[in-house]
PDB file of N, CA and C in Angstrom:
ATOM      1  N   MET A   1     166.438 129.189 154.944  1.00  0.00           N
ATOM      2  CA  MET A   1     166.355 128.900 153.456  1.00  0.00           C
ATOM      3  C   MET A   1     164.835 129.269 152.956  1.00  0.00           C
ATOM      4  N   LYS A   2     163.946 128.580 153.861  1.00  0.00           N
ATOM      5  CA  LYS A   2     162.557 128.871 153.521  1.00  0.00           C
ATOM      6  C   LYS A   2     162.099 130.285 153.517  1.00  0.00           C
ATOM      7  N   GLN A   3     162.666 131.074 154.188  1.00  0.00           N
ATOM      8  CA  GLN A   3     162.380 132.686 154.122  1.00  0.00           C
ATOM      9  C   GLN A   3     162.835 133.166 152.903  1.00  0.00           C
ATOM     10  N   VAL A   4     163.882 132.795 152.397  1.00  0.00           N
ATOM     11  CA  VAL A   4     164.346 133.305 151.133  1.00  0.00           C
ATOM     12  C   VAL A   4     163.481 132.938 149.980  1.00  0.00           C
ATOM     13  N   LYS A   5     162.881 131.662 150.019  1.00  0.00           N
ATOM     14  CA  LYS A   5     161.887 131.288 148.945  1.00  0.00           C
ATOM     15  C   LYS A   5     160.614 132.078 149.138  1.00  0.00           C
ATOM     16  N   VAL A   6     160.101 132.321 150.177  1.00  0.00           N
ATOM     17  CA  VAL A   6     158.928 133.160 150.425  1.00  0.00           C
ATOM     18  C   VAL A   6     159.116 134.632 150.001  1.00  0.00           C
ATOM     19  N   GLU A   7     160.404 135.129 150.148  1.00  0.00           N
ATOM     20  CA  GLU A   7     160.518 136.505 149.858  1.00  0.00           C
ATOM     21  C   GLU A   7     160.742 136.561 148.270  1.00  0.00           C
ATOM     22  N   ARG A   8     161.186 135.549 147.640  1.00  0.00           N
ATOM     23  CA  ARG A   8     161.285 135.467 146.262  1.00  0.00           C
ATOM     24  C   ARG A   8     159.887 135.432 145.538  1.00  0.00           C
ATOM     25  N   LEU A   9     159.151 134.503 146.282  1.00  0.00           N
ATOM     26  CA  LEU A   9     157.654 134.384 145.738  1.00  0.00           C
ATOM     27  C   LEU A   9     156.980 135.775 145.832  1.00  0.00           C
ATOM     28  N   ASN A  10     157.097 136.402 146.926  1.00  0.00           N
ATOM     29  CA  ASN A  10     156.544 137.661 147.239  1.00  0.00           C
ATOM     30  C   ASN A  10     156.796 138.592 146.063  1.00  0.00           C
ATOM     31  N   ASP A  11     157.939 138.814 145.861  1.00  0.00           N
ATOM     32  CA  ASP A  11     158.418 139.596 144.504  1.00  0.00           C
ATOM     33  C   ASP A  11     157.928 139.105 143.201  1.00  0.00           C
ATOM     34  N   LEU A  12     157.905 137.830 143.020  1.00  0.00           N
ATOM     35  CA  LEU A  12     157.356 137.268 141.727  1.00  0.00           C
ATOM     36  C   LEU A  12     155.869 137.330 141.674  1.00  0.00           C
ATOM     37  N   PHE A  13     155.129 137.201 142.807  1.00  0.00           N
ATOM     38  CA  PHE A  13     153.713 137.252 142.746  1.00  0.00           C
ATOM     39  C   PHE A  13     153.365 138.644 142.496  1.00  0.00           C
ATOM     40  N   ARG A  14     154.097 139.522 143.140  1.00  0.00           N
ATOM     41  CA  ARG A  14     153.698 141.035 142.925  1.00  0.00           C
ATOM     42  C   ARG A  14     153.816 141.482 141.451  1.00  0.00           C
ATOM     43  N   GLU A  15     155.029 141.103 140.741  1.00  0.00           N
ATOM     44  CA  GLU A  15     155.237 141.283 139.406  1.00  0.00           C
ATOM     45  C   GLU A  15     154.046 140.668 138.562  1.00  0.00           C
ATOM     46  N   GLU A  16     153.728 139.351 138.889  1.00  0.00           N
ATOM     47  CA  GLU A  16     152.793 138.788 137.809  1.00  0.00           C
ATOM     48  C   GLU A  16     151.405 139.203 138.182  1.00  0.00           C
ATOM     49  N   ILE A  17     151.096 139.582 139.415  1.00  0.00           N
ATOM     50  CA  ILE A  17     149.709 140.044 139.621  1.00  0.00           C
ATOM     51  C   ILE A  17     149.688 141.448 138.845  1.00  0.00           C
ATOM     52  N   SER A  18     150.664 142.280 138.941  1.00  0.00           N
ATOM     53  CA  SER A  18     150.622 143.541 138.458  1.00  0.00           C
ATOM     54  C   SER A  18     150.446 143.276 136.805  1.00  0.00           C
ATOM     55  N   TYR A  19     151.214 142.498 136.274  1.00  0.00           N
ATOM     56  CA  TYR A  19     151.051 142.306 134.797  1.00  0.00           C
ATOM     57  C   TYR A  19     149.665 141.667 134.400  1.00  0.00           C
ATOM     58  N   ILE A  20     149.038 140.798 135.226  1.00  0.00           N
ATOM     59  CA  ILE A  20     147.755 140.294 134.927  1.00  0.00           C
ATOM     60  C   ILE A  20     146.615 141.367 135.050  1.00  0.00           C
ATOM     61  N   LEU A  21     146.795 142.252 136.110  1.00  0.00           N
ATOM     62  CA  LEU A  21     145.835 143.401 136.112  1.00  0.00           C
ATOM     63  C   LEU A  21     145.913 144.382 135.077  1.00  0.00           C
ATOM     64  N   PHE A  22     147.210 144.569 134.540  1.00  0.00           N
ATOM     65  CA  PHE A  22     147.406 145.503 133.460  1.00  0.00           C
ATOM     66  C   PHE A  22     146.963 144.910 132.109  1.00  0.00           C
ATOM     67  N   SER A  23     147.297 143.774 131.774  1.00  0.00           N
ATOM     68  CA  SER A  23     147.098 143.200 130.418  1.00  0.00           C
ATOM     69  C   SER A  23     146.013 142.207 130.340  1.00  0.00           C
ATOM     70  N   GLU A  24     145.286 141.674 131.323  1.00  0.00           N
ATOM     71  CA  GLU A  24     144.252 140.617 131.100  1.00  0.00           C
ATOM     72  C   GLU A  24     143.088 140.852 131.733  1.00  0.00           C
ATOM     73  N   ILE A  25     142.933 141.920 132.591  1.00  0.00           N
ATOM     74  CA  ILE A  25     141.587 142.350 133.110  1.00  0.00           C
ATOM     75  C   ILE A  25     141.020 143.481 132.446  1.00  0.00           C
ATOM     76  N   LYS A  26     139.827 143.392 132.105  1.00  0.00           N
ATOM     77  CA  LYS A  26     139.211 144.482 131.302  1.00  0.00           C
ATOM     78  C   LYS A  26     138.274 145.306 132.173  1.00  0.00           C
ATOM     79  N   ASP A  27     138.262 145.074 133.375  1.00  0.00           N
ATOM     80  CA  ASP A  27     137.418 145.837 134.423  1.00  0.00           C
ATOM     81  C   ASP A  27     137.707 147.196 134.552  1.00  0.00           C
ATOM     82  N   ASP A  28     136.773 148.211 134.216  1.00  0.00           N
ATOM     83  CA  ASP A  28     137.389 149.462 134.484  1.00  0.00           C
ATOM     84  C   ASP A  28     137.652 149.918 135.934  1.00  0.00           C
ATOM     85  N   ASP A  29     136.988 149.318 136.884  1.00  0.00           N
ATOM     86  CA  ASP A  29     137.137 149.587 138.329  1.00  0.00           C
ATOM     87  C   ASP A  29     138.590 149.093 138.700  1.00  0.00           C
ATOM     88  N   ILE A  30     139.365 148.301 137.965  1.00  0.00           N
ATOM     89  CA  ILE A  30     140.617 147.937 138.397  1.00  0.00           C
ATOM     90  C   ILE A  30     141.630 148.696 137.590  1.00  0.00           C
ATOM     91  N   LYS A  31     141.285 149.607 136.785  1.00  0.00           N
ATOM     92  CA  LYS A  31     142.105 150.181 135.830  1.00  0.00           C
ATOM     93  C   LYS A  31     143.282 150.946 136.400  1.00  0.00           C
ATOM     94  N   TYR A  32     143.167 151.562 137.561  1.00  0.00           N
ATOM     95  CA  TYR A  32     144.158 152.466 138.215  1.00  0.00           C
ATOM     96  C   TYR A  32     144.778 151.830 139.533  1.00  0.00           C
ATOM     97  N   VAL A  33     144.714 150.557 139.505  1.00  0.00           N
ATOM     98  CA  VAL A  33     145.404 149.853 140.689  1.00  0.00           C
ATOM     99  C   VAL A  33     146.741 149.714 140.511  1.00  0.00           C
ATOM    100  N   THR A  34     147.638 149.862 141.494  1.00  0.00           N
ATOM    101  CA  THR A  34     149.019 149.657 141.668  1.00  0.00           C
ATOM    102  C   THR A  34     149.283 148.727 142.763  1.00  0.00           C
ATOM    103  N   ILE A  35     149.922 147.582 142.379  1.00  0.00           N
ATOM    104  CA  ILE A  35     150.265 146.516 143.479  1.00  0.00           C
ATOM    105  C   ILE A  35     151.490 146.984 144.008  1.00  0.00           C
ATOM    106  N   THR A  36     151.609 147.282 145.389  1.00  0.00           N
ATOM    107  CA  THR A  36     152.673 147.732 146.030  1.00  0.00           C
ATOM    108  C   THR A  36     153.517 146.584 146.818  1.00  0.00           C
ATOM    109  N   ASP A  37     152.780 145.596 147.288  1.00  0.00           N
ATOM    110  CA  ASP A  37     153.532 144.585 148.065  1.00  0.00           C
ATOM    111  C   ASP A  37     152.653 143.264 148.004  1.00  0.00           C
ATOM    112  N   VAL A  38     153.196 142.045 148.241  1.00  0.00           N
ATOM    113  CA  VAL A  38     152.533 140.839 148.373  1.00  0.00           C
ATOM    114  C   VAL A  38     153.311 140.029 149.572  1.00  0.00           C
ATOM    115  N   GLU A  39     152.452 139.654 150.513  1.00  0.00           N
ATOM    116  CA  GLU A  39     153.012 138.867 151.562  1.00  0.00           C
ATOM    117  C   GLU A  39     152.355 137.483 151.564  1.00  0.00           C
ATOM    118  N   VAL A  40     153.107 136.472 151.223  1.00  0.00           N
ATOM    119  CA  VAL A  40     152.764 135.115 151.314  1.00  0.00           C
ATOM    120  C   VAL A  40     152.969 134.472 152.535  1.00  0.00           C
ATOM    121  N   THR A  41     152.033 133.609 153.087  1.00  0.00           N
ATOM    122  CA  THR A  41     152.189 132.854 154.378  1.00  0.00           C
ATOM    123  C   THR A  41     153.381 131.896 153.960  1.00  0.00           C
ATOM    124  N   ASN A  42     154.031 131.344 154.966  1.00  0.00           N
ATOM    125  CA  ASN A  42     155.027 130.300 154.954  1.00  0.00           C
ATOM    126  C   ASN A  42     154.477 128.958 154.310  1.00  0.00           C
ATOM    127  N   ASP A  43     153.139 128.547 154.474  1.00  0.00           N
ATOM    128  CA  ASP A  43     152.658 127.492 153.911  1.00  0.00           C
ATOM    129  C   ASP A  43     152.073 127.576 152.573  1.00  0.00           C
ATOM    130  N   LEU A  44     152.197 128.878 152.135  1.00  0.00           N
ATOM    131  CA  LEU A  44     151.699 129.182 150.704  1.00  0.00           C
ATOM    132  C   LEU A  44     150.265 129.087 150.524  1.00  0.00           C
ATOM    133  N   SER A  45     149.586 129.195 151.627  1.00  0.00           N
ATOM    134  CA  SER A  45     148.029 129.031 151.509  1.00  0.00           C
ATOM    135  C   SER A  45     147.245 130.468 151.370  1.00  0.00           C
ATOM    136  N   PHE A  46     147.981 131.558 151.908  1.00  0.00           N
ATOM    137  CA  PHE A  46     147.287 132.735 151.557  1.00  0.00           C
ATOM    138  C   PHE A  46     148.267 133.861 151.179  1.00  0.00           C
ATOM    139  N   ALA A  47     147.855 134.868 150.504  1.00  0.00           N
ATOM    140  CA  ALA A  47     148.765 135.872 149.897  1.00  0.00           C
ATOM    141  C   ALA A  47     147.926 137.052 150.288  1.00  0.00           C
ATOM    142  N   LYS A  48     148.505 138.161 151.052  1.00  0.00           N
ATOM    143  CA  LYS A  48     147.839 139.465 151.061  1.00  0.00           C
ATOM    144  C   LYS A  48     148.484 140.352 150.134  1.00  0.00           C
ATOM    145  N   VAL A  49     147.516 140.805 149.352  1.00  0.00           N
ATOM    146  CA  VAL A  49     147.937 141.648 148.127  1.00  0.00           C
ATOM    147  C   VAL A  49     147.708 143.168 148.330  1.00  0.00           C
ATOM    148  N   TYR A  50     148.816 143.968 148.591  1.00  0.00           N
ATOM    149  CA  TYR A  50     148.594 145.361 148.972  1.00  0.00           C
ATOM    150  C   TYR A  50     148.397 146.182 147.751  1.00  0.00           C
ATOM    151  N   TYR A  51     147.584 147.210 147.636  1.00  0.00           N
ATOM    152  CA  TYR A  51     147.463 147.941 146.421  1.00  0.00           C
ATOM    153  C   TYR A  51     147.245 149.326 146.726  1.00  0.00           C
ATOM    154  N   THR A  52     147.303 150.321 145.895  1.00  0.00           N
ATOM    155  CA  THR A  52     146.950 151.706 146.068  1.00  0.00           C
ATOM    156  C   THR A  52     146.266 152.125 144.812  1.00  0.00           C
ATOM    157  N   LEU A  53     145.597 153.237 144.899  1.00  0.00           N
ATOM    158  CA  LEU A  53     144.831 153.873 143.766  1.00  0.00           C
ATOM    159  C   LEU A  53     145.224 155.438 143.575  1.00  0.00           C
ATOM    160  N   ARG A  54     144.865 155.797 142.489  1.00  0.00           N
ATOM    161  CA  ARG A  54     145.283 157.220 142.115  1.00  0.00           C
ATOM    162  C   ARG A  54     144.105 158.027 142.757  1.00  0.00           C
ATOM    163  N   ASN A  55     142.861 157.685 142.781  1.00  0.00           N
ATOM    164  CA  ASN A  55     141.840 158.427 143.353  1.00  0.00           C
ATOM    165  C   ASN A  55     141.087 157.580 144.490  1.00  0.00           C
ATOM    166  N   LYS A  56     141.077 157.903 145.577  1.00  0.00           N
ATOM    167  CA  LYS A  56     140.515 157.090 146.731  1.00  0.00           C
ATOM    168  C   LYS A  56     139.055 157.021 146.704  1.00  0.00           C
ATOM    169  N   GLU A  57     138.479 157.778 145.927  1.00  0.00           N
ATOM    170  CA  GLU A  57     136.933 157.917 145.795  1.00  0.00           C
ATOM    171  C   GLU A  57     136.359 156.616 145.245  1.00  0.00           C
ATOM    172  N   PHE A  58     137.155 155.917 144.565  1.00  0.00           N
ATOM    173  CA  PHE A  58     136.697 154.705 143.893  1.00  0.00           C
ATOM    174  C   PHE A  58     137.250 153.516 144.758  1.00  0.00           C
ATOM    175  N   LEU A  59     137.433 153.532 145.896  1.00  0.00           N
ATOM    176  CA  LEU A  59     138.011 152.599 146.663  1.00  0.00           C
ATOM    177  C   LEU A  59     136.981 151.402 147.023  1.00  0.00           C
ATOM    178  N   ASP A  60     135.874 151.788 147.278  1.00  0.00           N
ATOM    179  CA  ASP A  60     134.892 150.674 147.481  1.00  0.00           C
ATOM    180  C   ASP A  60     134.549 149.863 146.187  1.00  0.00           C
ATOM    181  N   SER A  61     134.296 150.486 145.176  1.00  0.00           N
ATOM    182  CA  SER A  61     134.063 149.777 143.826  1.00  0.00           C
ATOM    183  C   SER A  61     135.417 148.955 143.340  1.00  0.00           C
ATOM    184  N   THR A  62     136.586 149.535 143.599  1.00  0.00           N
ATOM    185  CA  THR A  62     137.721 148.742 143.206  1.00  0.00           C
ATOM    186  C   THR A  62     138.081 147.675 144.054  1.00  0.00           C
ATOM    187  N   GLN A  63     137.731 147.659 145.438  1.00  0.00           N
ATOM    188  CA  GLN A  63     137.822 146.519 146.368  1.00  0.00           C
ATOM    189  C   GLN A  63     136.776 145.380 145.964  1.00  0.00           C
ATOM    190  N   LYS A  64     135.631 145.705 145.601  1.00  0.00           N
ATOM    191  CA  LYS A  64     134.586 144.678 145.243  1.00  0.00           C
ATOM    192  C   LYS A  64     135.097 144.144 143.887  1.00  0.00           C
ATOM    193  N   ALA A  65     135.585 144.926 142.885  1.00  0.00           N
ATOM    194  CA  ALA A  65     136.061 144.375 141.788  1.00  0.00           C
ATOM    195  C   ALA A  65     137.075 143.467 141.793  1.00  0.00           C
ATOM    196  N   LEU A  66     138.250 143.901 142.703  1.00  0.00           N
ATOM    197  CA  LEU A  66     139.249 142.940 142.843  1.00  0.00           C
ATOM    198  C   LEU A  66     138.728 141.653 143.664  1.00  0.00           C
ATOM    199  N   ASN A  67     137.915 141.709 144.411  1.00  0.00           N
ATOM    200  CA  ASN A  67     137.482 140.449 145.153  1.00  0.00           C
ATOM    201  C   ASN A  67     136.670 139.547 143.999  1.00  0.00           C
ATOM    202  N   ARG A  68     135.920 140.065 143.174  1.00  0.00           N
ATOM    203  CA  ARG A  68     135.202 139.505 142.090  1.00  0.00           C
ATOM    204  C   ARG A  68     136.507 138.701 141.183  1.00  0.00           C
ATOM    205  N   ALA A  69     137.327 139.505 140.940  1.00  0.00           N
ATOM    206  CA  ALA A  69     138.416 139.110 139.987  1.00  0.00           C
ATOM    207  C   ALA A  69     139.549 138.103 140.533  1.00  0.00           C
ATOM    208  N   SER A  70     139.420 137.919 141.925  1.00  0.00           N
ATOM    209  CA  SER A  70     140.378 137.243 142.577  1.00  0.00           C
ATOM    210  C   SER A  70     140.713 135.739 142.142  1.00  0.00           C
ATOM    211  N   SER A  71     139.635 134.942 142.020  1.00  0.00           N
ATOM    212  CA  SER A  71     139.816 133.775 141.480  1.00  0.00           C
ATOM    213  C   SER A  71     140.460 133.614 140.000  1.00  0.00           C
ATOM    214  N   PHE A  72     139.877 134.653 139.207  1.00  0.00           N
ATOM    215  CA  PHE A  72     140.627 134.537 137.791  1.00  0.00           C
ATOM    216  C   PHE A  72     142.045 134.977 137.851  1.00  0.00           C
ATOM    217  N   ILE A  73     142.376 135.991 138.755  1.00  0.00           N
ATOM    218  CA  ILE A  73     143.862 136.201 138.904  1.00  0.00           C
ATOM    219  C   ILE A  73     144.537 135.107 139.471  1.00  0.00           C
ATOM    220  N   ARG A  74     144.099 134.419 140.455  1.00  0.00           N
ATOM    221  CA  ARG A  74     144.767 133.251 141.068  1.00  0.00           C
ATOM    222  C   ARG A  74     144.900 132.143 140.090  1.00  0.00           C
ATOM    223  N   GLY A  75     143.952 131.980 139.018  1.00  0.00           N
ATOM    224  CA  GLY A  75     144.027 131.009 138.047  1.00  0.00           C
ATOM    225  C   GLY A  75     145.163 131.367 137.047  1.00  0.00           C
ATOM    226  N   LYS A  76     145.160 132.460 136.674  1.00  0.00           N
ATOM    227  CA  LYS A  76     146.260 133.026 135.778  1.00  0.00           C
ATOM    228  C   LYS A  76     147.695 133.088 136.487  1.00  0.00           C
ATOM    229  N   LEU A  77     147.721 133.306 137.707  1.00  0.00           N
ATOM    230  CA  LEU A  77     148.869 133.224 138.586  1.00  0.00           C
ATOM    231  C   LEU A  77     149.395 131.780 138.597  1.00  0.00           C
ATOM    232  N   SER A  78     148.530 130.855 138.675  1.00  0.00           N
ATOM    233  CA  SER A  78     148.938 129.359 138.824  1.00  0.00           C
ATOM    234  C   SER A  78     149.547 128.927 137.429  1.00  0.00           C
ATOM    235  N   GLU A  79     149.000 129.485 136.382  1.00  0.00           N
ATOM    236  CA  GLU A  79     149.501 129.211 134.966  1.00  0.00           C
ATOM    237  C   GLU A  79     151.093 129.747 134.835  1.00  0.00           C
ATOM    238  N   ARG A  80     151.242 130.966 135.512  1.00  0.00           N
ATOM    239  CA  ARG A  80     152.504 131.570 135.272  1.00  0.00           C
ATOM    240  C   ARG A  80     153.690 131.246 136.273  1.00  0.00           C
ATOM    241  N   VAL A  81     153.110 130.835 137.477  1.00  0.00           N
ATOM    242  CA  VAL A  81     154.203 130.600 138.563  1.00  0.00           C
ATOM    243  C   VAL A  81     154.163 129.180 138.796  1.00  0.00           C
ATOM    244  N   GLU A  82     155.362 128.533 138.796  1.00  0.00           N
ATOM    245  CA  GLU A  82     155.291 127.090 139.125  1.00  0.00           C
ATOM    246  C   GLU A  82     155.470 126.849 140.613  1.00  0.00           C
ATOM    247  N   VAL A  83     154.346 126.607 141.300  1.00  0.00           N
ATOM    248  CA  VAL A  83     154.367 126.413 142.730  1.00  0.00           C
ATOM    249  C   VAL A  83     153.276 125.158 143.020  1.00  0.00           C
ATOM    250  N   ARG A  84     153.530 124.431 143.959  1.00  0.00           N
ATOM    251  CA  ARG A  84     152.585 123.268 144.269  1.00  0.00           C
ATOM    252  C   ARG A  84     151.182 123.785 144.332  1.00  0.00           C
ATOM    253  N   HIS A  85     151.132 124.868 145.302  1.00  0.00           N
ATOM    254  CA  HIS A  85     149.751 125.282 145.749  1.00  0.00           C
ATOM    255  C   HIS A  85     149.799 126.866 145.529  1.00  0.00           C
ATOM    256  N   THR A  86     148.754 127.399 144.719  1.00  0.00           N
ATOM    257  CA  THR A  86     148.755 128.719 144.478  1.00  0.00           C
ATOM    258  C   THR A  86     147.875 129.340 145.695  1.00  0.00           C
ATOM    259  N   PRO A  87     148.483 130.348 146.319  1.00  0.00           N
ATOM    260  CA  PRO A  87     147.754 130.729 147.318  1.00  0.00           C
ATOM    261  C   PRO A  87     146.495 131.583 147.137  1.00  0.00           C
ATOM    262  N   GLU A  88     145.424 131.561 148.165  1.00  0.00           N
ATOM    263  CA  GLU A  88     144.242 132.304 147.939  1.00  0.00           C
ATOM    264  C   GLU A  88     144.657 133.883 148.114  1.00  0.00           C
ATOM    265  N   LEU A  89     144.199 134.648 147.394  1.00  0.00           N
ATOM    266  CA  LEU A  89     144.407 136.205 147.366  1.00  0.00           C
ATOM    267  C   LEU A  89     143.542 136.998 148.166  1.00  0.00           C
ATOM    268  N   LYS A  90     144.113 137.693 148.980  1.00  0.00           N
ATOM    269  CA  LYS A  90     143.239 138.809 149.776  1.00  0.00           C
ATOM    270  C   LYS A  90     143.810 140.065 149.451  1.00  0.00           C
ATOM    271  N   PHE A  91     143.009 141.109 148.865  1.00  0.00           N
ATOM    272  CA  PHE A  91     143.456 142.382 148.507  1.00  0.00           C
ATOM    273  C   PHE A  91     143.089 143.347 149.600  1.00  0.00           C
ATOM    274  N   ILE A  92     144.191 144.167 149.880  1.00  0.00           N
ATOM    275  CA  ILE A  92     144.228 145.052 151.014  1.00  0.00           C
ATOM    276  C   ILE A  92     144.640 146.514 150.579  1.00  0.00           C
ATOM    277  N   PHE A  93     143.922 147.408 150.818  1.00  0.00           N
ATOM    278  CA  PHE A  93     144.306 148.792 150.451  1.00  0.00           C
ATOM    279  C   PHE A  93     145.580 149.233 151.217  1.00  0.00           C
ATOM    280  N   ASP A  94     146.603 149.705 150.689  1.00  0.00           N
ATOM    281  CA  ASP A  94     147.769 149.975 151.212  1.00  0.00           C
ATOM    282  C   ASP A  94     147.792 151.465 151.636  1.00  0.00           C
ATOM    283  N   GLU A  95     147.823 151.818 152.949  1.00  0.00           N
ATOM    284  CA  GLU A  95     147.722 153.137 153.500  1.00  0.00           C
ATOM    285  C   GLU A  95     149.008 153.612 153.741  1.00  0.00           C
ATOM    286  N   SER A  96     150.103 152.943 153.686  1.00  0.00           N
ATOM    287  CA  SER A  96     151.419 153.337 153.939  1.00  0.00           C
ATOM    288  C   SER A  96     151.911 154.591 153.099  1.00  0.00           C
ATOM    289  N   LEU A  97     151.601 154.591 151.922  1.00  0.00           N
ATOM    290  CA  LEU A  97     152.031 155.789 151.092  1.00  0.00           C
ATOM    291  C   LEU A  97     151.320 156.922 151.618  1.00  0.00           C
ATOM    292  N   GLU A  98     150.104 156.958 151.942  1.00  0.00           N
ATOM    293  CA  GLU A  98     149.334 158.095 152.470  1.00  0.00           C
ATOM    294  C   GLU A  98     149.757 158.523 153.857  1.00  0.00           C
ATOM    295  N   TYR A  99     150.260 157.516 154.650  1.00  0.00           N
ATOM    296  CA  TYR A  99     150.910 157.934 155.890  1.00  0.00           C
ATOM    297  C   TYR A  99     152.140 158.648 155.760  1.00  0.00           C
ATOM    298  N   GLY A 100     153.044 158.011 154.792  1.00  0.00           N
ATOM    299  CA  GLY A 100     154.260 158.593 154.618  1.00  0.00           C
ATOM    300  C   GLY A 100     154.216 160.100 154.079  1.00  0.00           C
ATOM    301  N   GLU A 101     153.182 160.293 153.194  1.00  0.00           N
ATOM    302  CA  GLU A 101     152.912 161.808 152.719  1.00  0.00           C
ATOM    303  C   GLU A 101     152.691 162.635 153.841  1.00  0.00           C
ATOM    304  N   LYS A 102     151.827 162.072 154.845  1.00  0.00           N
ATOM    305  CA  LYS A 102     151.409 162.845 156.038  1.00  0.00           C
ATOM    306  C   LYS A 102     152.592 163.239 156.857  1.00  0.00           C
ATOM    307  N   ILE A 103     153.458 162.288 157.137  1.00  0.00           N
ATOM    308  CA  ILE A 103     154.627 162.417 157.940  1.00  0.00           C
ATOM    309  C   ILE A 103     155.647 163.568 157.129  1.00  0.00           C
ATOM    310  N   GLU A 104     155.644 163.428 155.913  1.00  0.00           N
ATOM    311  CA  GLU A 104     156.511 164.343 155.035  1.00  0.00           C
ATOM    312  C   GLU A 104     156.027 165.714 155.202  1.00  0.00           C
ATOM    313  N   ALA A 105     154.560 165.906 155.152  1.00  0.00           N
ATOM    314  CA  ALA A 105     154.122 167.230 155.344  1.00  0.00           C
ATOM    315  C   ALA A 105     154.326 167.920 156.648  1.00  0.00           C
ATOM    316  N   ILE A 106     154.256 166.989 157.781  1.00  0.00           N
ATOM    317  CA  ILE A 106     154.564 167.510 159.124  1.00  0.00           C
ATOM    318  C   ILE A 106     156.016 167.853 159.062  1.00  0.00           C
ATOM    319  N   LEU A 107     156.835 167.081 158.588  1.00  0.00           N
ATOM    320  CA  LEU A 107     158.515 167.531 158.692  1.00  0.00           C
ATOM    321  C   LEU A 107     158.733 168.715 157.957  1.00  0.00           C
ATOM    322  N   LYS A 108     158.003 169.004 156.832  1.00  0.00           N
ATOM    323  CA  LYS A 108     158.117 170.106 155.963  1.00  0.00           C
ATOM    324  C   LYS A 108     157.628 171.199 156.849  1.00  0.00           C
ATOM    325  N   GLU A 109     156.510 171.214 157.520  1.00  0.00           N
ATOM    326  CA  GLU A 109     155.987 172.232 158.190  1.00  0.00           C
ATOM    327  C   GLU A 109     156.960 172.632 159.449  1.00  0.00           C
ATOM    328  N   ILE A 110     157.572 171.573 160.176  1.00  0.00           N
ATOM    329  CA  ILE A 110     158.565 171.856 161.251  1.00  0.00           C
ATOM    330  C   ILE A 110     159.693 172.588 160.590  1.00  0.00           C
ATOM    331  N   LYS A 111     160.294 172.165 159.530  1.00  0.00           N
ATOM    332  CA  LYS A 111     161.329 172.824 158.915  1.00  0.00           C
ATOM    333  C   LYS A 111     161.113 174.235 158.465  1.00  0.00           C
ATOM    334  N   GLU A 112     159.950 174.502 158.121  1.00  0.00           N
ATOM    335  CA  GLU A 112     159.712 175.992 157.781  1.00  0.00           C
ATOM    336  C   GLU A 112     159.455 176.712 159.078  1.00  0.00           C
ATOM    337  N   GLU A 113     158.892 176.232 160.169  1.00  0.00           N
ATOM    338  CA  GLU A 113     158.852 176.927 161.381  1.00  0.00           C
ATOM    339  C   GLU A 113     160.238 177.339 162.015  1.00  0.00           C
ATOM    340  N   ASP A 114     161.206 176.286 161.781  1.00  0.00           N
ATOM    341  CA  ASP A 114     162.459 176.610 162.235  1.00  0.00           C
ATOM    342  C   ASP A 114     163.264 177.629 161.520  1.00  0.00           C
ATOM    343  N   GLU A 115     162.965 177.815 160.278  1.00  0.00           N
ATOM    344  CA  GLU A 115     163.697 178.792 159.365  1.00  0.00           C
ATOM    345  C   GLU A 115     162.993 180.079 159.537  1.00  0.00           C
TER     346      GLU A 115
END
């Protein structure tokens, strides 16, 4: 039962953080961030927030801006989501999309060689 609650919170936090970034943060460094996943620990003390960017050249400035805005986002999250303890947020760049694209390109290349 506990796992189901954590999975629901993961989805809810992903939606709410995305909304907060889109509507309430005015920092241009965070403008093109897309939240891909959230993983909350079972005790709700920490949450890993995975994100991607359209342009990776701004990765460093975006990471710094997200770290600066972390407490603001956490505060807004606590207003929107009713939990006893709002977890600390740790923003992590999600490389899985890039990895998937690389695998897709390799598969396409193999297919072209076979034809």
